[in-house]
Protein backbone atom coordinates (compact mmCIF):
# COMPACT_ATOMS: atom_id res chain seq x y z
CA MET A 1 125.11 57.34 43.56
CA ILE A 2 127.45 54.42 44.22
CA SER A 3 124.51 52.65 46.23
CA ALA A 4 122.18 53.36 43.74
CA GLY A 5 124.43 51.86 40.90
CA LEU A 6 124.77 54.60 39.03
CA ASP A 7 128.44 55.15 39.87
CA GLN A 8 131.91 53.46 40.96
CA PRO A 9 134.11 54.88 43.97
CA GLU A 10 137.18 55.14 41.55
CA ALA A 11 137.73 55.85 37.80
CA GLN A 12 138.01 52.21 36.95
CA SER A 13 136.36 49.13 37.92
CA GLY A 14 138.09 46.33 40.06
CA CYS A 15 139.35 49.01 42.53
CA PRO A 16 139.43 48.79 46.41
CA ILE A 17 136.01 48.22 47.91
CA ALA A 18 134.38 51.56 48.97
CA ASN A 19 131.46 51.63 51.44
CA THR A 20 128.66 54.16 51.72
CA TYR A 21 126.99 55.29 54.93
CA THR A 22 124.48 58.22 56.18
CA PRO A 23 125.27 59.87 58.55
CA ASP A 24 123.27 58.04 61.75
CA GLU A 25 125.34 54.67 59.92
CA ALA A 26 128.61 56.62 60.51
CA ARG A 27 127.53 57.63 63.80
CA GLU A 28 126.41 53.88 65.07
CA LEU A 29 129.58 52.73 63.73
CA LEU A 30 131.62 54.97 65.73
CA GLN A 31 129.73 54.30 69.12
CA GLY A 32 132.18 54.87 71.74
CA PHE A 33 133.52 58.09 70.47
CA GLU A 34 132.47 61.84 70.61
CA ILE A 35 131.97 63.15 67.05
CA ILE A 36 133.17 66.55 66.87
CA GLU A 37 132.59 67.20 63.63
CA LEU A 38 130.58 65.13 60.88
CA ARG A 39 130.27 66.78 56.82
CA GLN A 40 130.29 65.82 53.41
CA GLU A 41 132.64 66.87 51.10
CA HIS A 42 134.60 66.52 47.22
CA ILE A 43 132.58 66.11 44.31
CA PHE A 44 135.15 65.02 41.34
CA PRO A 45 134.84 67.57 38.53
CA PHE A 46 137.40 66.62 36.00
CA VAL A 47 137.11 64.87 32.68
CA ILE A 48 138.42 61.46 34.02
CA GLU A 49 140.44 60.36 30.26
CA ARG A 50 142.13 63.94 30.74
CA TYR A 51 142.60 63.33 34.84
CA LEU A 52 144.63 60.32 34.37
CA ALA A 53 146.59 61.98 31.55
CA TYR A 54 147.53 64.41 33.98
CA GLN A 55 145.49 66.99 32.52
CA TYR A 56 142.86 68.74 34.93
CA GLU A 57 140.10 69.77 32.79
CA LYS A 58 136.69 70.26 34.44
CA GLN A 59 133.47 68.71 33.15
CA PRO A 60 131.71 71.68 31.37
CA TRP A 61 128.84 72.03 34.16
CA PHE A 62 131.57 72.64 36.66
CA GLN A 63 133.70 74.35 34.77
CA ALA A 64 130.23 76.94 34.28
CA MET A 65 129.28 76.58 37.92
CA PRO A 66 129.97 79.25 40.20
CA SER A 67 132.41 78.35 43.13
CA ALA A 68 129.57 79.06 45.92
CA VAL A 69 127.31 76.32 44.10
CA PHE A 70 129.88 73.73 43.77
CA ARG A 71 130.53 74.19 47.35
CA ALA A 72 126.98 74.11 48.41
CA LEU A 73 126.58 70.64 46.47
CA GLU A 74 129.92 68.92 47.81
CA LYS A 75 127.99 69.98 51.27
CA SER A 76 124.81 68.03 50.34
CA PHE A 77 126.04 65.35 47.54
CA GLY A 78 130.17 65.10 48.57
CA TRP A 79 131.64 61.32 48.06
CA HIS A 80 133.49 61.73 51.20
CA MET A 81 132.00 61.91 54.45
CA LEU A 82 134.79 64.04 56.79
CA ILE A 83 134.73 62.41 60.65
CA ARG A 84 136.54 64.05 63.52
CA CYS A 85 136.06 62.21 66.56
CA ARG A 86 137.94 61.31 70.06
CA LEU A 87 137.65 58.36 72.33
CA LYS A 88 134.26 59.67 74.89
CA GLN A 89 135.79 60.10 78.51
CA THR A 90 133.97 58.25 81.10
């Protein structure tokens, strides 16, 4: 969504730069490391205006969504790519 210009990395514009990577681009970036795990996570489900006021109200479509469906969406469309790696042994 960020790459397509349809969303921004934070709730407000002008926040620090956020880069997007495909799994292949992340693997290339981490050449010299053994990737142990690479997965996507995290879809922000809350109404931003309320979240900024410490009120954790989910968007209506996320509120109605079963947890298993939400988790499946996170694995395919999550905002964060979590990578666990270690230096390759030579």
